[in-house]
Amino acid sequence: MKILVIEDEQKTAAFIQKGLSEQGYVVDVAVDGAAGLEMALGQFYDLLIIDVMMPKIDGWTLMERLRASSCHTLALFLTARDSLSDRVRGLEAGADAYLVKPFAFTELLAHVRSLLRRSSQRVSDSIRVGDLELDLSRHQATRAGKRLDLTPKEFALLSLLARRSGDVISRTLIADQVWNINFDSETNVVDVHIARLRAKVDGPYGNRLIHTVRGLGYVLRDEL
């Protein structure tokens, strides 16, 4: 699970990042609203943790812009403002939960786990693109009824493409989500794994599902 913390108070951001990392989450930090907006729209996250009072773009405005951009990632608001009107404003902007500062880490973790359980319930255990079907709970993929022999990384790569079927996924995002590494233009690890995955997913079939978008990345879609 990957979480983005958008928080301008360095101590608070470091506290949250350290605690959630120790619980096994991958945690990125943005130090202001503008940086947070760019990261939230440019990468895939399972949860956003957003401070309300921030420089450049406040949490309310940030949330409104994310929702207007069709970003529906679950969001937890952090704020020292505890009035009813502030809570209502945050929820109306699109926040899914509200936590008032100061808070205990155990309380934050309970909110995070609750929201991520809700997120997992939103996602079907099965994804179908054309005659390709992924069983996410069993980590199995079939095409035209035949099981594909995929390595764990190949399945993770195919799952990423399938979850965002029709969207072009950049090499940078693939490297980050599948390998949790920064993409190096001189590294061909993504291209090599895409080629291997193509051989298994598309090789025996006439209709290709994995497509290259030159200069941008890869997309999984059924063009029939």
C-alpha atoms as a PDB file:
ATOM      1  CA  MET A   1       0.000   0.000   0.000  1.00  0.00           C
ATOM      2  CA  LYS A   2       1.302   3.453  -0.916  1.00  0.00           C
ATOM      3  CA  ILE A   3       0.444   6.612   1.019  1.00  0.00           C
ATOM      4  CA  LEU A   4       1.109  10.279   0.264  1.00  0.00           C
ATOM      5  CA  VAL A   5       1.465  12.616   3.262  1.00  0.00           C
ATOM      6  CA  ILE A   6       0.904  16.279   2.345  1.00  0.00           C
ATOM      7  CA  GLU A   7       2.118  18.193   5.397  1.00  0.00           C
ATOM      8  CA  ASP A   8       4.222  21.356   5.718  1.00  0.00           C
ATOM      9  CA  GLU A   9       5.260  20.787   9.356  1.00  0.00           C
ATOM     10  CA  GLN A  10       8.475  18.792   8.962  1.00  0.00           C
ATOM     11  CA  LYS A  11       8.362  17.169  12.390  1.00  0.00           C
ATOM     12  CA  THR A  12       4.783  16.020  11.920  1.00  0.00           C
ATOM     13  CA  ALA A  13       5.493  14.733   8.408  1.00  0.00           C
ATOM     14  CA  ALA A  14       8.596  12.844   9.580  1.00  0.00           C
ATOM     15  CA  PHE A  15       6.679  11.395  12.546  1.00  0.00           C
ATOM     16  CA  ILE A  16       3.904  10.104  10.292  1.00  0.00           C
ATOM     17  CA  GLN A  17       6.298   8.808   7.626  1.00  0.00           C
ATOM     18  CA  LYS A  18       8.444   6.941  10.140  1.00  0.00           C
ATOM     19  CA  GLY A  19       5.476   5.396  11.936  1.00  0.00           C
ATOM     20  CA  LEU A  20       3.649   4.246   8.822  1.00  0.00           C
ATOM     21  CA  SER A  21       6.860   2.977   7.204  1.00  0.00           C
ATOM     22  CA  GLU A  22       7.478   0.820  10.262  1.00  0.00           C
ATOM     23  CA  GLN A  23       4.005  -0.650   9.710  1.00  0.00           C
ATOM     24  CA  GLY A  24       5.001  -1.739   6.189  1.00  0.00           C
ATOM     25  CA  TYR A  25       3.506   1.099   4.133  1.00  0.00           C
ATOM     26  CA  VAL A  26       5.378   2.948   1.379  1.00  0.00           C
ATOM     27  CA  VAL A  27       5.155   6.633   2.314  1.00  0.00           C
ATOM     28  CA  ASP A  28       5.937   9.713   0.229  1.00  0.00           C
ATOM     29  CA  VAL A  29       5.880  13.271   1.613  1.00  0.00           C
ATOM     30  CA  ALA A  30       4.942  16.553  -0.062  1.00  0.00           C
ATOM     31  CA  VAL A  31       5.868  19.736   1.840  1.00  0.00           C
ATOM     32  CA  ASP A  32       3.111  22.018   0.531  1.00  0.00           C
ATOM     33  CA  GLY A  33      -0.229  21.888  -1.240  1.00  0.00           C
ATOM     34  CA  ALA A  34       1.109  22.621  -4.711  1.00  0.00           C
ATOM     35  CA  ALA A  35       3.664  19.801  -4.542  1.00  0.00           C
ATOM     36  CA  GLY A  36       1.024  17.503  -3.074  1.00  0.00           C
ATOM     37  CA  LEU A  37      -1.410  18.232  -5.898  1.00  0.00           C
ATOM     38  CA  GLU A  38       1.231  17.470  -8.534  1.00  0.00           C
ATOM     39  CA  MET A  39       2.268  14.198  -6.849  1.00  0.00           C
ATOM     40  CA  ALA A  40      -1.308  13.036  -6.214  1.00  0.00           C
ATOM     41  CA  LEU A  41      -2.258  13.579  -9.848  1.00  0.00           C
ATOM     42  CA  GLY A  42       0.994  12.217 -11.275  1.00  0.00           C
ATOM     43  CA  GLN A  43       1.264   8.972  -9.322  1.00  0.00           C
ATOM     44  CA  PHE A  44      -0.974   6.262  -7.925  1.00  0.00           C
ATOM     45  CA  TYR A  45      -1.612   6.252  -4.165  1.00  0.00           C
ATOM     46  CA  ASP A  46      -3.921   4.160  -2.029  1.00  0.00           C
ATOM     47  CA  LEU A  47      -4.435   6.957   0.507  1.00  0.00           C
ATOM     48  CA  LEU A  48      -3.761  10.674   0.903  1.00  0.00           C
ATOM     49  CA  ILE A  49      -3.110  12.231   4.330  1.00  0.00           C
ATOM     50  CA  ILE A  50      -3.645  15.979   3.961  1.00  0.00           C
ATOM     51  CA  ASP A  51      -2.967  18.841   6.352  1.00  0.00           C
ATOM     52  CA  VAL A  52      -5.578  21.591   6.031  1.00  0.00           C
ATOM     53  CA  MET A  53      -3.504  24.715   6.701  1.00  0.00           C
ATOM     54  CA  MET A  54      -0.609  24.711   4.219  1.00  0.00           C
ATOM     55  CA  PRO A  55       1.256  27.232   2.065  1.00  0.00           C
ATOM     56  CA  LYS A  56       0.527  27.696  -1.656  1.00  0.00           C
ATOM     57  CA  ILE A  57      -2.645  25.556  -1.672  1.00  0.00           C
ATOM     58  CA  ASP A  58      -4.649  24.782   1.462  1.00  0.00           C
ATOM     59  CA  GLY A  59      -6.116  21.339   2.096  1.00  0.00           C
ATOM     60  CA  TRP A  60      -9.679  22.285   1.205  1.00  0.00           C
ATOM     61  CA  THR A  61      -8.683  23.753  -2.159  1.00  0.00           C
ATOM     62  CA  LEU A  62      -6.336  20.838  -2.817  1.00  0.00           C
ATOM     63  CA  MET A  63      -9.137  18.367  -2.180  1.00  0.00           C
ATOM     64  CA  GLU A  64     -11.558  20.243  -4.424  1.00  0.00           C
ATOM     65  CA  ARG A  65      -9.017  20.300  -7.272  1.00  0.00           C
ATOM     66  CA  LEU A  66      -8.279  16.587  -6.900  1.00  0.00           C
ATOM     67  CA  ARG A  67     -11.949  15.663  -7.027  1.00  0.00           C
ATOM     68  CA  ALA A  68     -12.498  18.014  -9.978  1.00  0.00           C
ATOM     69  CA  SER A  69      -9.671  16.168 -11.765  1.00  0.00           C
ATOM     70  CA  SER A  70     -11.458  12.825 -11.193  1.00  0.00           C
ATOM     71  CA  CYS A  71      -8.948  11.737  -8.554  1.00  0.00           C
ATOM     72  CA  HIS A  72     -10.989   9.623  -6.148  1.00  0.00           C
ATOM     73  CA  THR A  73      -8.181   8.398  -3.895  1.00  0.00           C
ATOM     74  CA  LEU A  74      -9.313   8.134  -0.284  1.00  0.00           C
ATOM     75  CA  ALA A  75      -8.247  11.136   1.794  1.00  0.00           C
ATOM     76  CA  LEU A  76      -7.729  11.724   5.516  1.00  0.00           C
ATOM     77  CA  PHE A  77      -7.659  15.362   6.663  1.00  0.00           C
ATOM     78  CA  LEU A  78      -5.364  16.474   9.507  1.00  0.00           C
ATOM     79  CA  THR A  79      -6.089  19.793  11.188  1.00  0.00           C
ATOM     80  CA  ALA A  80      -5.937  21.727  14.422  1.00  0.00           C
ATOM     81  CA  ARG A  81      -9.273  23.332  13.510  1.00  0.00           C
ATOM     82  CA  ASP A  82     -12.000  21.408  15.287  1.00  0.00           C
ATOM     83  CA  SER A  83     -15.126  23.469  14.636  1.00  0.00           C
ATOM     84  CA  LEU A  84     -18.189  21.794  13.138  1.00  0.00           C
ATOM     85  CA  SER A  85     -18.094  24.146  10.144  1.00  0.00           C
ATOM     86  CA  ASP A  86     -14.467  23.152   9.407  1.00  0.00           C
ATOM     87  CA  ARG A  87     -15.326  19.452   9.592  1.00  0.00           C
ATOM     88  CA  VAL A  88     -18.309  19.915   7.302  1.00  0.00           C
ATOM     89  CA  ARG A  89     -16.239  21.955   4.849  1.00  0.00           C
ATOM     90  CA  GLY A  90     -13.594  19.234   4.688  1.00  0.00           C
ATOM     91  CA  LEU A  91     -16.117  16.466   4.115  1.00  0.00           C
ATOM     92  CA  GLU A  92     -17.961  18.503   1.492  1.00  0.00           C
ATOM     93  CA  ALA A  93     -14.646  19.099  -0.309  1.00  0.00           C
ATOM     94  CA  GLY A  94     -14.280  15.333  -0.664  1.00  0.00           C
ATOM     95  CA  ALA A  95     -12.366  14.146   2.407  1.00  0.00           C
ATOM     96  CA  ASP A  96     -13.254  10.661   3.660  1.00  0.00           C
ATOM     97  CA  ALA A  97     -12.192  11.146   7.296  1.00  0.00           C
ATOM     98  CA  TYR A  98     -11.060  13.882   9.679  1.00  0.00           C
ATOM     99  CA  LEU A  99      -8.431  13.711  12.447  1.00  0.00           C
ATOM    100  CA  VAL A 100      -7.796  16.611  14.805  1.00  0.00           C
ATOM    101  CA  LYS A 101      -4.283  17.587  15.919  1.00  0.00           C
ATOM    102  CA  PRO A 102      -2.656  16.698  18.235  1.00  0.00           C
ATOM    103  CA  PHE A 103      -3.297  12.995  17.791  1.00  0.00           C
ATOM    104  CA  ALA A 104      -1.754   9.744  18.963  1.00  0.00           C
ATOM    105  CA  PHE A 105      -0.114   7.616  16.283  1.00  0.00           C
ATOM    106  CA  THR A 106      -2.336   4.677  17.249  1.00  0.00           C
ATOM    107  CA  GLU A 107      -5.384   6.808  16.416  1.00  0.00           C
ATOM    108  CA  LEU A 108      -3.909   7.792  13.054  1.00  0.00           C
ATOM    109  CA  LEU A 109      -3.044   4.168  12.290  1.00  0.00           C
ATOM    110  CA  ALA A 110      -6.598   3.072  13.125  1.00  0.00           C
ATOM    111  CA  HIS A 111      -7.962   5.639  10.657  1.00  0.00           C
ATOM    112  CA  VAL A 112      -5.472   4.561   7.987  1.00  0.00           C
ATOM    113  CA  ARG A 113      -6.331   0.872   8.358  1.00  0.00           C
ATOM    114  CA  SER A 114     -10.058   1.588   8.333  1.00  0.00           C
ATOM    115  CA  LEU A 115      -9.823   3.674   5.169  1.00  0.00           C
ATOM    116  CA  LEU A 116      -7.607   1.152   3.380  1.00  0.00           C
ATOM    117  CA  ARG A 117     -10.034  -1.644   4.245  1.00  0.00           C
ATOM    118  CA  ARG A 118     -12.746   0.475   2.673  1.00  0.00           C
ATOM    119  CA  SER A 119     -10.535   0.978  -0.379  1.00  0.00           C
ATOM    120  CA  SER A 120      -9.922  -2.760  -0.767  1.00  0.00           C
ATOM    121  CA  GLN A 121     -13.656  -3.393  -0.641  1.00  0.00           C
ATOM    122  CA  ARG A 122     -14.095  -1.015  -3.565  1.00  0.00           C
ATOM    123  CA  VAL A 123     -11.830  -3.091  -5.765  1.00  0.00           C
ATOM    124  CA  SER A 124     -13.215  -6.244  -7.259  1.00  0.00           C
ATOM    125  CA  ASP A 125     -11.204  -9.416  -6.784  1.00  0.00           C
ATOM    126  CA  SER A 126     -11.436  -9.924 -10.532  1.00  0.00           C
ATOM    127  CA  ILE A 127     -10.467  -7.658 -13.432  1.00  0.00           C
ATOM    128  CA  ARG A 128     -11.326  -8.469 -17.046  1.00  0.00           C
ATOM    129  CA  VAL A 129      -9.886  -6.822 -20.169  1.00  0.00           C
ATOM    130  CA  GLY A 130     -11.056  -8.535 -23.344  1.00  0.00           C
ATOM    131  CA  ASP A 131     -10.440 -12.252 -22.855  1.00  0.00           C
ATOM    132  CA  LEU A 132      -7.813 -11.574 -20.164  1.00  0.00           C
ATOM    133  CA  GLU A 133      -8.929 -12.082 -16.558  1.00  0.00           C
ATOM    134  CA  LEU A 134      -6.989 -11.430 -13.346  1.00  0.00           C
ATOM    135  CA  ASP A 135      -7.913 -13.022 -10.027  1.00  0.00           C
ATOM    136  CA  LEU A 136      -6.309 -10.568  -7.595  1.00  0.00           C
ATOM    137  CA  SER A 137      -6.955 -12.602  -4.461  1.00  0.00           C
ATOM    138  CA  ARG A 138      -5.281 -15.713  -5.893  1.00  0.00           C
ATOM    139  CA  HIS A 139      -2.621 -13.865  -7.921  1.00  0.00           C
ATOM    140  CA  GLN A 140      -3.633 -15.748 -11.057  1.00  0.00           C
ATOM    141  CA  ALA A 141      -4.205 -14.618 -14.626  1.00  0.00           C
ATOM    142  CA  THR A 142      -5.898 -16.391 -17.515  1.00  0.00           C
ATOM    143  CA  ARG A 143      -6.394 -15.562 -21.145  1.00  0.00           C
ATOM    144  CA  ALA A 144      -9.068 -17.243 -23.244  1.00  0.00           C
ATOM    145  CA  GLY A 145      -9.548 -19.595 -20.295  1.00  0.00           C
ATOM    146  CA  LYS A 146      -5.888 -20.681 -20.210  1.00  0.00           C
ATOM    147  CA  ARG A 147      -3.791 -19.928 -17.142  1.00  0.00           C
ATOM    148  CA  LEU A 148      -0.741 -17.711 -17.680  1.00  0.00           C
ATOM    149  CA  ASP A 149       2.499 -18.736 -15.983  1.00  0.00           C
ATOM    150  CA  LEU A 150       3.598 -15.400 -14.495  1.00  0.00           C
ATOM    151  CA  THR A 151       6.290 -14.564 -11.976  1.00  0.00           C
ATOM    152  CA  PRO A 152       5.249 -12.418  -8.965  1.00  0.00           C
ATOM    153  CA  LYS A 153       6.737  -9.295 -10.578  1.00  0.00           C
ATOM    154  CA  GLU A 154       5.046 -10.026 -13.892  1.00  0.00           C
ATOM    155  CA  PHE A 155       1.721 -10.408 -12.109  1.00  0.00           C
ATOM    156  CA  ALA A 156       2.303  -7.152 -10.205  1.00  0.00           C
ATOM    157  CA  LEU A 157       3.103  -5.390 -13.486  1.00  0.00           C
ATOM    158  CA  LEU A 158       0.060  -6.829 -15.237  1.00  0.00           C
ATOM    159  CA  SER A 159      -2.134  -5.930 -12.250  1.00  0.00           C
ATOM    160  CA  LEU A 160      -0.971  -2.309 -12.389  1.00  0.00           C
ATOM    161  CA  LEU A 161      -1.801  -2.096 -16.091  1.00  0.00           C
ATOM    162  CA  ALA A 162      -5.141  -3.863 -15.587  1.00  0.00           C
ATOM    163  CA  ARG A 163      -6.280  -1.716 -12.662  1.00  0.00           C
ATOM    164  CA  ARG A 164      -5.822   1.326 -14.887  1.00  0.00           C
ATOM    165  CA  SER A 165      -6.886  -0.277 -18.138  1.00  0.00           C
ATOM    166  CA  GLY A 166      -7.081   2.312 -20.900  1.00  0.00           C
ATOM    167  CA  ASP A 167      -4.689   4.709 -19.138  1.00  0.00           C
ATOM    168  CA  VAL A 168      -1.122   5.180 -20.353  1.00  0.00           C
ATOM    169  CA  ILE A 169       1.256   4.237 -17.515  1.00  0.00           C
ATOM    170  CA  SER A 170       4.702   5.815 -17.623  1.00  0.00           C
ATOM    171  CA  ARG A 171       7.920   3.873 -17.089  1.00  0.00           C
ATOM    172  CA  THR A 172       8.579   6.076 -14.060  1.00  0.00           C
ATOM    173  CA  LEU A 173       5.292   5.079 -12.414  1.00  0.00           C
ATOM    174  CA  ILE A 174       5.797   1.399 -13.277  1.00  0.00           C
ATOM    175  CA  ALA A 175       9.290   1.393 -11.726  1.00  0.00           C
ATOM    176  CA  ASP A 176       7.966   3.111  -8.623  1.00  0.00           C
ATOM    177  CA  GLN A 177       4.871   0.944  -8.143  1.00  0.00           C
ATOM    178  CA  VAL A 178       6.295  -2.468  -9.082  1.00  0.00           C
ATOM    179  CA  TRP A 179       9.932  -2.168  -7.945  1.00  0.00           C
ATOM    180  CA  ASN A 180       9.713   0.831  -5.589  1.00  0.00           C
ATOM    181  CA  ILE A 181      12.705   2.427  -7.311  1.00  0.00           C
ATOM    182  CA  ASN A 182      13.332   5.720  -9.066  1.00  0.00           C
ATOM    183  CA  PHE A 183      13.346   5.282 -12.826  1.00  0.00           C
ATOM    184  CA  ASP A 184      16.712   5.697 -14.514  1.00  0.00           C
ATOM    185  CA  SER A 185      16.527   6.395 -18.260  1.00  0.00           C
ATOM    186  CA  GLU A 186      19.598   4.207 -18.728  1.00  0.00           C
ATOM    187  CA  THR A 187      17.901   1.240 -17.033  1.00  0.00           C
ATOM    188  CA  ASN A 188      15.852  -1.086 -19.231  1.00  0.00           C
ATOM    189  CA  VAL A 189      14.315  -3.160 -16.415  1.00  0.00           C
ATOM    190  CA  VAL A 190      10.790  -1.972 -17.245  1.00  0.00           C
ATOM    191  CA  ASP A 191      11.141  -2.609 -20.981  1.00  0.00           C
ATOM    192  CA  VAL A 192      12.651  -6.059 -20.391  1.00  0.00           C
ATOM    193  CA  HIS A 193       9.793  -7.106 -18.105  1.00  0.00           C
ATOM    194  CA  ILE A 194       7.189  -5.662 -20.469  1.00  0.00           C
ATOM    195  CA  ALA A 195       8.705  -7.717 -23.302  1.00  0.00           C
ATOM    196  CA  ARG A 196       8.569 -10.892 -21.198  1.00  0.00           C
ATOM    197  CA  LEU A 197       5.013 -10.141 -20.109  1.00  0.00           C
ATOM    198  CA  ARG A 198       3.964  -9.482 -23.715  1.00  0.00           C
ATOM    199  CA  ALA A 199       5.365 -12.843 -24.789  1.00  0.00           C
ATOM    200  CA  LYS A 200       3.122 -14.596 -22.274  1.00  0.00           C
ATOM    201  CA  VAL A 201       0.008 -12.409 -22.501  1.00  0.00           C
ATOM    202  CA  ASP A 202      -0.023 -11.540 -26.217  1.00  0.00           C
ATOM    203  CA  GLY A 203       2.407 -13.963 -27.877  1.00  0.00           C
ATOM    204  CA  PRO A 204       0.052 -16.921 -28.473  1.00  0.00           C
ATOM    205  CA  TYR A 205      -2.921 -14.721 -29.400  1.00  0.00           C
ATOM    206  CA  GLY A 206      -3.803 -12.646 -32.428  1.00  0.00           C
ATOM    207  CA  ASN A 207      -5.226  -9.710 -30.512  1.00  0.00           C
ATOM    208  CA  ARG A 208      -2.591  -7.662 -28.644  1.00  0.00           C
ATOM    209  CA  LEU A 209      -3.611  -6.168 -25.310  1.00  0.00           C
ATOM    210  CA  ILE A 210      -0.346  -4.524 -24.161  1.00  0.00           C
ATOM    211  CA  HIS A 211       0.476  -1.485 -26.296  1.00  0.00           C
ATOM    212  CA  THR A 212       3.415   0.916 -26.367  1.00  0.00           C
ATOM    213  CA  VAL A 213       2.673   4.633 -26.533  1.00  0.00           C
ATOM    214  CA  ARG A 214       5.891   6.079 -27.874  1.00  0.00           C
ATOM    215  CA  GLY A 215       7.520   8.542 -25.512  1.00  0.00           C
ATOM    216  CA  LEU A 216       4.874   8.054 -22.824  1.00  0.00           C
ATOM    217  CA  GLY A 217       4.720   4.455 -21.610  1.00  0.00           C
ATOM    218  CA  TYR A 218       2.430   1.450 -21.850  1.00  0.00           C
ATOM    219  CA  VAL A 219      -1.310   0.791 -21.822  1.00  0.00           C
ATOM    220  CA  LEU A 220      -3.436  -2.322 -21.485  1.00  0.00           C
ATOM    221  CA  ARG A 221      -6.562  -2.188 -23.626  1.00  0.00           C
ATOM    222  CA  ASP A 222      -8.678  -4.319 -25.895  1.00  0.00           C
ATOM    223  CA  GLU A 223      -8.870  -2.631 -29.301  1.00  0.00           C
ATOM    224  CA  LEU A 224     -11.341  -5.076 -30.846  1.00  0.00           C
END
